[in-house]
Amino acid sequence: DLYGEHVFPLQVAVLLSRPFWCWGAEIGANDAGVAI
């Protein structure tokens, strides 16, 4: 949806604090040092 037909190799690690009933997260961070 963001990148159209372009596909690419990806490796990323993400740590989420996620309510047990949903897919998303209230807070998290990834291995690039981004926190949201």
PDB file of all heavy atoms in Angstrom:
ATOM      1  N   ASP A   1       0.827  -1.204   0.000  1.00  0.00           N
ATOM      2  CA  ASP A   1       0.000   0.000   0.000  1.00  0.00           C
ATOM      3  C   ASP A   1       0.864   1.258   0.000  1.00  0.00           C
ATOM      4  O   ASP A   1       0.488   2.288  -0.538  1.00  0.00           O
ATOM      5  CB  ASP A   1      -0.931   0.014   1.215  1.00  0.00           C
ATOM      6  CG  ASP A   1      -0.171   0.048   2.519  1.00  0.00           C
ATOM      7  OD1 ASP A   1       0.668  -0.851   2.723  1.00  0.00           O
ATOM      8  OD2 ASP A   1      -0.412   0.955   3.325  1.00  0.00           O
ATOM      9  N   LEU A   2       2.070   1.171   0.601  1.00  0.00           N
ATOM     10  CA  LEU A   2       2.966   2.312   0.657  1.00  0.00           C
ATOM     11  C   LEU A   2       3.944   2.322  -0.508  1.00  0.00           C
ATOM     12  O   LEU A   2       4.257   3.369  -1.053  1.00  0.00           O
ATOM     13  CB  LEU A   2       3.737   2.306   1.976  1.00  0.00           C
ATOM     14  CG  LEU A   2       4.523   3.565   2.330  1.00  0.00           C
ATOM     15  CD1 LEU A   2       3.576   4.734   2.540  1.00  0.00           C
ATOM     16  CD2 LEU A   2       5.363   3.346   3.567  1.00  0.00           C
ATOM     17  N   TYR A   3       4.403   1.141  -0.904  1.00  0.00           N
ATOM     18  CA  TYR A   3       5.481   1.062  -1.882  1.00  0.00           C
ATOM     19  C   TYR A   3       5.034   0.553  -3.249  1.00  0.00           C
ATOM     20  O   TYR A   3       5.857   0.366  -4.137  1.00  0.00           O
ATOM     21  CB  TYR A   3       6.596   0.161  -1.346  1.00  0.00           C
ATOM     22  CG  TYR A   3       7.180   0.664  -0.058  1.00  0.00           C
ATOM     23  CD1 TYR A   3       6.979  -0.021   1.136  1.00  0.00           C
ATOM     24  CD2 TYR A   3       7.913   1.852  -0.018  1.00  0.00           C
ATOM     25  CE1 TYR A   3       7.505   0.453   2.329  1.00  0.00           C
ATOM     26  CE2 TYR A   3       8.435   2.324   1.168  1.00  0.00           C
ATOM     27  CZ  TYR A   3       8.241   1.618   2.336  1.00  0.00           C
ATOM     28  OH  TYR A   3       8.746   2.092   3.512  1.00  0.00           O
ATOM     29  N   GLY A   4       3.748   0.310  -3.439  1.00  0.00           N
ATOM     30  CA  GLY A   4       3.254  -0.130  -4.735  1.00  0.00           C
ATOM     31  C   GLY A   4       3.767  -1.525  -5.089  1.00  0.00           C
ATOM     32  O   GLY A   4       3.864  -2.406  -4.238  1.00  0.00           O
ATOM     33  N   GLU A   5       4.116  -1.709  -6.325  1.00  0.00           N
ATOM     34  CA  GLU A   5       4.549  -3.017  -6.799  1.00  0.00           C
ATOM     35  C   GLU A   5       5.998  -3.317  -6.457  1.00  0.00           C
ATOM     36  O   GLU A   5       6.474  -4.421  -6.655  1.00  0.00           O
ATOM     37  CB  GLU A   5       4.351  -3.103  -8.320  1.00  0.00           C
ATOM     38  CG  GLU A   5       2.887  -3.069  -8.737  1.00  0.00           C
ATOM     39  CD  GLU A   5       2.085  -4.181  -8.068  1.00  0.00           C
ATOM     40  OE1 GLU A   5       2.534  -5.338  -8.075  1.00  0.00           O
ATOM     41  OE2 GLU A   5       1.013  -3.868  -7.515  1.00  0.00           O
ATOM     42  N   HIS A   6       6.725  -2.310  -5.949  1.00  0.00           N
ATOM     43  CA  HIS A   6       8.124  -2.531  -5.607  1.00  0.00           C
ATOM     44  C   HIS A   6       8.207  -3.437  -4.371  1.00  0.00           C
ATOM     45  O   HIS A   6       7.609  -3.163  -3.338  1.00  0.00           O
ATOM     46  CB  HIS A   6       8.808  -1.199  -5.315  1.00  0.00           C
ATOM     47  CG  HIS A   6      10.248  -1.324  -4.918  1.00  0.00           C
ATOM     48  ND1 HIS A   6      11.204  -1.795  -5.781  1.00  0.00           N
ATOM     49  CD2 HIS A   6      10.877  -1.063  -3.757  1.00  0.00           C
ATOM     50  CE1 HIS A   6      12.366  -1.789  -5.174  1.00  0.00           C
ATOM     51  NE2 HIS A   6      12.192  -1.356  -3.936  1.00  0.00           N
ATOM     52  N   VAL A   7       8.936  -4.532  -4.471  1.00  0.00           N
ATOM     53  CA  VAL A   7       9.172  -5.403  -3.327  1.00  0.00           C
ATOM     54  C   VAL A   7      10.665  -5.456  -3.086  1.00  0.00           C
ATOM     55  O   VAL A   7      11.471  -5.299  -4.002  1.00  0.00           O
ATOM     56  CB  VAL A   7       8.590  -6.822  -3.544  1.00  0.00           C
ATOM     57  CG1 VAL A   7       7.086  -6.765  -3.622  1.00  0.00           C
ATOM     58  CG2 VAL A   7       9.168  -7.465  -4.801  1.00  0.00           C
ATOM     59  N   PHE A   8      11.053  -5.716  -1.859  1.00  0.00           N
ATOM     60  CA  PHE A   8      12.467  -5.597  -1.519  1.00  0.00           C
ATOM     61  C   PHE A   8      12.761  -6.455  -0.297  1.00  0.00           C
ATOM     62  O   PHE A   8      11.885  -6.713   0.526  1.00  0.00           O
ATOM     63  CB  PHE A   8      12.816  -4.137  -1.230  1.00  0.00           C
ATOM     64  CG  PHE A   8      11.892  -3.502  -0.224  1.00  0.00           C
ATOM     65  CD1 PHE A   8      12.186  -3.519   1.126  1.00  0.00           C
ATOM     66  CD2 PHE A   8      10.696  -2.918  -0.626  1.00  0.00           C
ATOM     67  CE1 PHE A   8      11.328  -2.962   2.047  1.00  0.00           C
ATOM     68  CE2 PHE A   8       9.838  -2.350   0.295  1.00  0.00           C
ATOM     69  CZ  PHE A   8      10.161  -2.368   1.637  1.00  0.00           C
ATOM     70  N   PRO A   9      14.008  -6.883  -0.123  1.00  0.00           N
ATOM     71  CA  PRO A   9      14.388  -7.601   1.094  1.00  0.00           C
ATOM     72  C   PRO A   9      14.282  -6.667   2.297  1.00  0.00           C
ATOM     73  O   PRO A   9      14.575  -5.484   2.207  1.00  0.00           O
ATOM     74  CB  PRO A   9      15.837  -7.997   0.828  1.00  0.00           C
ATOM     75  CG  PRO A   9      16.027  -7.881  -0.636  1.00  0.00           C
ATOM     76  CD  PRO A   9      15.110  -6.788  -1.089  1.00  0.00           C
ATOM     77  N   LEU A  10      13.872  -7.207   3.412  1.00  0.00           N
ATOM     78  CA  LEU A  10      13.719  -6.395   4.615  1.00  0.00           C
ATOM     79  C   LEU A  10      14.092  -7.235   5.829  1.00  0.00           C
ATOM     80  O   LEU A  10      13.714  -8.401   5.928  1.00  0.00           O
ATOM     81  CB  LEU A  10      12.265  -5.920   4.753  1.00  0.00           C
ATOM     82  CG  LEU A  10      11.896  -5.207   6.057  1.00  0.00           C
ATOM     83  CD1 LEU A  10      12.575  -3.858   6.131  1.00  0.00           C
ATOM     84  CD2 LEU A  10      10.387  -5.039   6.168  1.00  0.00           C
ATOM     85  N   GLN A  11      14.856  -6.641   6.735  1.00  0.00           N
ATOM     86  CA  GLN A  11      15.106  -7.284   8.014  1.00  0.00           C
ATOM     87  C   GLN A  11      14.989  -6.225   9.095  1.00  0.00           C
ATOM     88  O   GLN A  11      15.662  -5.201   9.045  1.00  0.00           O
ATOM     89  CB  GLN A  11      16.490  -7.933   8.073  1.00  0.00           C
ATOM     90  CG  GLN A  11      16.754  -8.627   9.405  1.00  0.00           C
ATOM     91  CD  GLN A  11      18.036  -9.433   9.389  1.00  0.00           C
ATOM     92  OE1 GLN A  11      18.538  -9.784   8.329  1.00  0.00           O
ATOM     93  NE2 GLN A  11      18.563  -9.707  10.559  1.00  0.00           N
ATOM     94  N   VAL A  12      14.111  -6.445  10.046  1.00  0.00           N
ATOM     95  CA  VAL A  12      13.912  -5.491  11.123  1.00  0.00           C
ATOM     96  C   VAL A  12      13.415  -6.246  12.351  1.00  0.00           C
ATOM     97  O   VAL A  12      12.695  -7.242  12.230  1.00  0.00           O
ATOM     98  CB  VAL A  12      12.901  -4.388  10.719  1.00  0.00           C
ATOM     99  CG1 VAL A  12      11.541  -4.984  10.394  1.00  0.00           C
ATOM    100  CG2 VAL A  12      12.774  -3.314  11.801  1.00  0.00           C
ATOM    101  N   ALA A  13      13.846  -5.798  13.510  1.00  0.00           N
ATOM    102  CA  ALA A  13      13.368  -6.353  14.774  1.00  0.00           C
ATOM    103  C   ALA A  13      12.578  -5.275  15.504  1.00  0.00           C
ATOM    104  O   ALA A  13      13.013  -4.116  15.571  1.00  0.00           O
ATOM    105  CB  ALA A  13      14.529  -6.831  15.631  1.00  0.00           C
ATOM    106  N   VAL A  14      11.427  -5.645  16.051  1.00  0.00           N
ATOM    107  CA  VAL A  14      10.540  -4.687  16.708  1.00  0.00           C
ATOM    108  C   VAL A  14      10.100  -5.267  18.043  1.00  0.00           C
ATOM    109  O   VAL A  14       9.736  -6.444  18.124  1.00  0.00           O
ATOM    110  CB  VAL A  14       9.294  -4.386  15.848  1.00  0.00           C
ATOM    111  CG1 VAL A  14       8.432  -3.330  16.509  1.00  0.00           C
ATOM    112  CG2 VAL A  14       9.690  -3.952  14.445  1.00  0.00           C
ATOM    113  N   LEU A  15      10.138  -4.465  19.098  1.00  0.00           N
ATOM    114  CA  LEU A  15       9.608  -4.845  20.403  1.00  0.00           C
ATOM    115  C   LEU A  15       8.364  -4.007  20.667  1.00  0.00           C
ATOM    116  O   LEU A  15       8.428  -2.777  20.651  1.00  0.00           O
ATOM    117  CB  LEU A  15      10.637  -4.602  21.506  1.00  0.00           C
ATOM    118  CG  LEU A  15      10.157  -4.875  22.946  1.00  0.00           C
ATOM    119  CD1 LEU A  15       9.792  -6.348  23.128  1.00  0.00           C
ATOM    120  CD2 LEU A  15      11.211  -4.452  23.956  1.00  0.00           C
ATOM    121  N   LEU A  16       7.240  -4.678  20.899  1.00  0.00           N
ATOM    122  CA  LEU A  16       5.962  -4.006  21.085  1.00  0.00           C
ATOM    123  C   LEU A  16       5.405  -4.274  22.480  1.00  0.00           C
ATOM    124  O   LEU A  16       5.564  -5.373  23.014  1.00  0.00           O
ATOM    125  CB  LEU A  16       4.938  -4.516  20.066  1.00  0.00           C
ATOM    126  CG  LEU A  16       5.287  -4.421  18.581  1.00  0.00           C
ATOM    127  CD1 LEU A  16       4.215  -5.123  17.758  1.00  0.00           C
ATOM    128  CD2 LEU A  16       5.424  -2.963  18.163  1.00  0.00           C
ATOM    129  N   SER A  17       4.726  -3.282  23.040  1.00  0.00           N
ATOM    130  CA  SER A  17       3.848  -3.489  24.190  1.00  0.00           C
ATOM    131  C   SER A  17       2.435  -3.463  23.640  1.00  0.00           C
ATOM    132  O   SER A  17       1.895  -2.398  23.323  1.00  0.00           O
ATOM    133  CB  SER A  17       4.054  -2.396  25.237  1.00  0.00           C
ATOM    134  OG  SER A  17       3.158  -2.583  26.323  1.00  0.00           O
ATOM    135  N   ARG A  18       1.849  -4.644  23.515  1.00  0.00           N
ATOM    136  CA  ARG A  18       0.649  -4.833  22.704  1.00  0.00           C
ATOM    137  C   ARG A  18      -0.512  -5.347  23.560  1.00  0.00           C
ATOM    138  O   ARG A  18      -0.385  -6.376  24.227  1.00  0.00           O
ATOM    139  CB  ARG A  18       0.958  -5.852  21.599  1.00  0.00           C
ATOM    140  CG  ARG A  18      -0.182  -6.163  20.664  1.00  0.00           C
ATOM    141  CD  ARG A  18       0.273  -7.170  19.600  1.00  0.00           C
ATOM    142  NE  ARG A  18       0.655  -8.450  20.169  1.00  0.00           N
ATOM    143  CZ  ARG A  18      -0.213  -9.432  20.458  1.00  0.00           C
ATOM    144  NH1 ARG A  18      -1.496  -9.267  20.242  1.00  0.00           N
ATOM    145  NH2 ARG A  18       0.220 -10.564  20.976  1.00  0.00           N
ATOM    146  N   PRO A  19      -1.670  -4.649  23.562  1.00  0.00           N
ATOM    147  CA  PRO A  19      -2.846  -5.235  24.210  1.00  0.00           C
ATOM    148  C   PRO A  19      -3.139  -6.618  23.626  1.00  0.00           C
ATOM    149  O   PRO A  19      -3.046  -6.808  22.413  1.00  0.00           O
ATOM    150  CB  PRO A  19      -3.966  -4.241  23.880  1.00  0.00           C
ATOM    151  CG  PRO A  19      -3.258  -2.946  23.665  1.00  0.00           C
ATOM    152  CD  PRO A  19      -1.957  -3.306  23.014  1.00  0.00           C
ATOM    153  N   PHE A  20      -3.497  -7.560  24.459  1.00  0.00           N
ATOM    154  CA  PHE A  20      -3.599  -8.951  24.019  1.00  0.00           C
ATOM    155  C   PHE A  20      -4.648  -9.168  22.938  1.00  0.00           C
ATOM    156  O   PHE A  20      -4.579 -10.140  22.193  1.00  0.00           O
ATOM    157  CB  PHE A  20      -3.907  -9.865  25.215  1.00  0.00           C
ATOM    158  CG  PHE A  20      -5.323  -9.764  25.718  1.00  0.00           C
ATOM    159  CD1 PHE A  20      -6.298 -10.644  25.270  1.00  0.00           C
ATOM    160  CD2 PHE A  20      -5.682  -8.795  26.643  1.00  0.00           C
ATOM    161  CE1 PHE A  20      -7.606 -10.560  25.733  1.00  0.00           C
ATOM    162  CE2 PHE A  20      -6.983  -8.703  27.100  1.00  0.00           C
ATOM    163  CZ  PHE A  20      -7.944  -9.579  26.645  1.00  0.00           C
ATOM    164  N   TRP A  21      -5.588  -8.231  22.813  1.00  0.00           N
ATOM    165  CA  TRP A  21      -6.716  -8.453  21.902  1.00  0.00           C
ATOM    166  C   TRP A  21      -6.530  -7.782  20.549  1.00  0.00           C
ATOM    167  O   TRP A  21      -7.403  -7.886  19.692  1.00  0.00           O
ATOM    168  CB  TRP A  21      -8.006  -7.944  22.544  1.00  0.00           C
ATOM    169  CG  TRP A  21      -7.909  -6.544  23.044  1.00  0.00           C
ATOM    170  CD1 TRP A  21      -7.568  -6.142  24.305  1.00  0.00           C
ATOM    171  CD2 TRP A  21      -8.124  -5.349  22.296  1.00  0.00           C
ATOM    172  NE1 TRP A  21      -7.558  -4.779  24.384  1.00  0.00           N
ATOM    173  CE2 TRP A  21      -7.892  -4.255  23.158  1.00  0.00           C
ATOM    174  CE3 TRP A  21      -8.496  -5.071  20.977  1.00  0.00           C
ATOM    175  CZ2 TRP A  21      -8.010  -2.931  22.761  1.00  0.00           C
ATOM    176  CZ3 TRP A  21      -8.617  -3.760  20.569  1.00  0.00           C
ATOM    177  CH2 TRP A  21      -8.373  -2.704  21.457  1.00  0.00           C
ATOM    178  N   CYS A  22      -5.427  -7.071  20.314  1.00  0.00           N
ATOM    179  CA  CYS A  22      -5.319  -6.350  19.050  1.00  0.00           C
ATOM    180  C   CYS A  22      -3.969  -6.566  18.384  1.00  0.00           C
ATOM    181  O   CYS A  22      -3.019  -7.057  18.992  1.00  0.00           O
ATOM    182  CB  CYS A  22      -5.618  -4.857  19.221  1.00  0.00           C
ATOM    183  SG  CYS A  22      -4.279  -3.874  19.874  1.00  0.00           S
ATOM    184  N   TRP A  23      -3.894  -6.176  17.119  1.00  0.00           N
ATOM    185  CA  TRP A  23      -2.705  -6.380  16.292  1.00  0.00           C
ATOM    186  C   TRP A  23      -1.639  -5.331  16.556  1.00  0.00           C
ATOM    187  O   TRP A  23      -0.447  -5.603  16.519  1.00  0.00           O
ATOM    188  CB  TRP A  23      -3.128  -6.346  14.822  1.00  0.00           C
ATOM    189  CG  TRP A  23      -2.026  -6.563  13.833  1.00  0.00           C
ATOM    190  CD1 TRP A  23      -1.522  -7.763  13.410  1.00  0.00           C
ATOM    191  CD2 TRP A  23      -1.305  -5.559  13.110  1.00  0.00           C
ATOM    192  NE1 TRP A  23      -0.533  -7.567  12.479  1.00  0.00           N
ATOM    193  CE2 TRP A  23      -0.374  -6.228  12.276  1.00  0.00           C
ATOM    194  CE3 TRP A  23      -1.356  -4.161  13.087  1.00  0.00           C
ATOM    195  CZ2 TRP A  23       0.497  -5.540  11.423  1.00  0.00           C
ATOM    196  CZ3 TRP A  23      -0.491  -3.475  12.253  1.00  0.00           C
ATOM    197  CH2 TRP A  23       0.426  -4.170  11.432  1.00  0.00           C
ATOM    198  N   GLY A  24      -2.057  -4.107  16.825  1.00  0.00           N
ATOM    199  CA  GLY A  24      -1.120  -3.007  16.992  1.00  0.00           C
ATOM    200  C   GLY A  24      -0.550  -2.939  18.397  1.00  0.00           C
ATOM    201  O   GLY A  24      -0.606  -3.895  19.163  1.00  0.00           O
ATOM    202  N   ALA A  25       0.028  -1.791  18.736  1.00  0.00           N
ATOM    203  CA  ALA A  25       0.720  -1.641  20.017  1.00  0.00           C
ATOM    204  C   ALA A  25       0.542  -0.234  20.556  1.00  0.00           C
ATOM    205  O   ALA A  25       0.400   0.727  19.795  1.00  0.00           O
ATOM    206  CB  ALA A  25       2.205  -1.937  19.856  1.00  0.00           C
ATOM    207  N   GLU A  26       0.571  -0.114  21.888  1.00  0.00           N
ATOM    208  CA  GLU A  26       0.499   1.191  22.519  1.00  0.00           C
ATOM    209  C   GLU A  26       1.843   1.895  22.521  1.00  0.00           C
ATOM    210  O   GLU A  26       1.914   3.126  22.504  1.00  0.00           O
ATOM    211  CB  GLU A  26      -0.011   1.055  23.953  1.00  0.00           C
ATOM    212  CG  GLU A  26      -1.445   0.563  24.026  1.00  0.00           C
ATOM    213  CD  GLU A  26      -1.982   0.609  25.439  1.00  0.00           C
ATOM    214  OE1 GLU A  26      -1.168   0.679  26.383  1.00  0.00           O
ATOM    215  OE2 GLU A  26      -3.205   0.569  25.599  1.00  0.00           O
ATOM    216  N   ILE A  27       2.909   1.133  22.583  1.00  0.00           N
ATOM    217  CA  ILE A  27       4.248   1.692  22.596  1.00  0.00           C
ATOM    218  C   ILE A  27       5.198   0.615  22.080  1.00  0.00           C
ATOM    219  O   ILE A  27       4.929  -0.583  22.204  1.00  0.00           O
ATOM    220  CB  ILE A  27       4.647   2.170  24.016  1.00  0.00           C
ATOM    221  CG1 ILE A  27       5.920   3.025  23.997  1.00  0.00           C
ATOM    222  CG2 ILE A  27       4.754   1.014  24.987  1.00  0.00           C
ATOM    223  CD1 ILE A  27       6.186   3.729  25.321  1.00  0.00           C
ATOM    224  N   GLY A  28       6.285   1.030  21.452  1.00  0.00           N
ATOM    225  CA  GLY A  28       7.228   0.051  20.943  1.00  0.00           C
ATOM    226  C   GLY A  28       8.499   0.717  20.464  1.00  0.00           C
ATOM    227  O   GLY A  28       8.620   1.950  20.435  1.00  0.00           O
ATOM    228  N   ALA A  29       9.472  -0.112  20.090  1.00  0.00           N
ATOM    229  CA  ALA A  29      10.745   0.370  19.565  1.00  0.00           C
ATOM    230  C   ALA A  29      11.266  -0.637  18.570  1.00  0.00           C
ATOM    231  O   ALA A  29      10.912  -1.822  18.621  1.00  0.00           O
ATOM    232  CB  ALA A  29      11.751   0.577  20.693  1.00  0.00           C
ATOM    233  N   ASN A  30      12.098  -0.164  17.652  1.00  0.00           N
ATOM    234  CA  ASN A  30      12.695  -1.097  16.697  1.00  0.00           C
ATOM    235  C   ASN A  30      14.212  -1.078  16.788  1.00  0.00           C
ATOM    236  O   ASN A  30      14.797  -0.312  17.569  1.00  0.00           O
ATOM    237  CB  ASN A  30      12.199  -0.821  15.270  1.00  0.00           C
ATOM    238  CG  ASN A  30      12.669   0.506  14.702  1.00  0.00           C
ATOM    239  OD1 ASN A  30      13.648   1.095  15.159  1.00  0.00           O
ATOM    240  ND2 ASN A  30      11.968   0.991  13.691  1.00  0.00           N
ATOM    241  N   ASP A  31      14.855  -1.934  16.002  1.00  0.00           N
ATOM    242  CA  ASP A  31      16.301  -2.089  16.124  1.00  0.00           C
ATOM    243  C   ASP A  31      17.085  -0.932  15.522  1.00  0.00           C
ATOM    244  O   ASP A  31      18.308  -0.884  15.640  1.00  0.00           O
ATOM    245  CB  ASP A  31      16.755  -3.416  15.521  1.00  0.00           C
ATOM    246  CG  ASP A  31      16.437  -3.541  14.041  1.00  0.00           C
ATOM    247  OD1 ASP A  31      15.735  -2.675  13.501  1.00  0.00           O
ATOM    248  OD2 ASP A  31      16.889  -4.516  13.423  1.00  0.00           O
ATOM    249  N   ALA A  32      16.392   0.010  14.894  1.00  0.00           N
ATOM    250  CA  ALA A  32      17.049   1.230  14.427  1.00  0.00           C
ATOM    251  C   ALA A  32      17.049   2.317  15.495  1.00  0.00           C
ATOM    252  O   ALA A  32      17.556   3.413  15.275  1.00  0.00           O
ATOM    253  CB  ALA A  32      16.363   1.743  13.163  1.00  0.00           C
ATOM    254  N   GLY A  33      16.442   2.036  16.659  1.00  0.00           N
ATOM    255  CA  GLY A  33      16.412   3.009  17.742  1.00  0.00           C
ATOM    256  C   GLY A  33      15.242   3.964  17.697  1.00  0.00           C
ATOM    257  O   GLY A  33      15.247   4.998  18.374  1.00  0.00           O
ATOM    258  N   VAL A  34      14.210   3.638  16.917  1.00  0.00           N
ATOM    259  CA  VAL A  34      13.005   4.467  16.850  1.00  0.00           C
ATOM    260  C   VAL A  34      12.011   3.966  17.895  1.00  0.00           C
ATOM    261  O   VAL A  34      11.752   2.761  17.980  1.00  0.00           O
ATOM    262  CB  VAL A  34      12.368   4.420  15.452  1.00  0.00           C
ATOM    263  CG1 VAL A  34      11.108   5.285  15.399  1.00  0.00           C
ATOM    264  CG2 VAL A  34      13.369   4.865  14.388  1.00  0.00           C
ATOM    265  N   ALA A  35      11.452   4.871  18.681  1.00  0.00           N
ATOM    266  CA  ALA A  35      10.432   4.534  19.675  1.00  0.00           C
ATOM    267  C   ALA A  35       9.187   5.370  19.408  1.00  0.00           C
ATOM    268  O   ALA A  35       9.281   6.558  19.086  1.00  0.00           O
ATOM    269  CB  ALA A  35      10.938   4.785  21.089  1.00  0.00           C
ATOM    270  N   ILE A  36       8.018   4.748  19.543  1.00  0.00           N
ATOM    271  CA  ILE A  36       6.748   5.424  19.287  1.00  0.00           C
ATOM    272  C   ILE A  36       5.734   4.993  20.338  1.00  0.00           C
ATOM    273  O   ILE A  36       5.677   3.814  20.705  1.00  0.00           O
ATOM    274  CB  ILE A  36       6.184   5.082  17.891  1.00  0.00           C
ATOM    275  CG1 ILE A  36       7.228   5.335  16.801  1.00  0.00           C
ATOM    276  CG2 ILE A  36       4.913   5.881  17.607  1.00  0.00           C
ATOM    277  CD1 ILE A  36       6.776   4.879  15.418  1.00  0.00           C
TER     278      ILE A  36
END
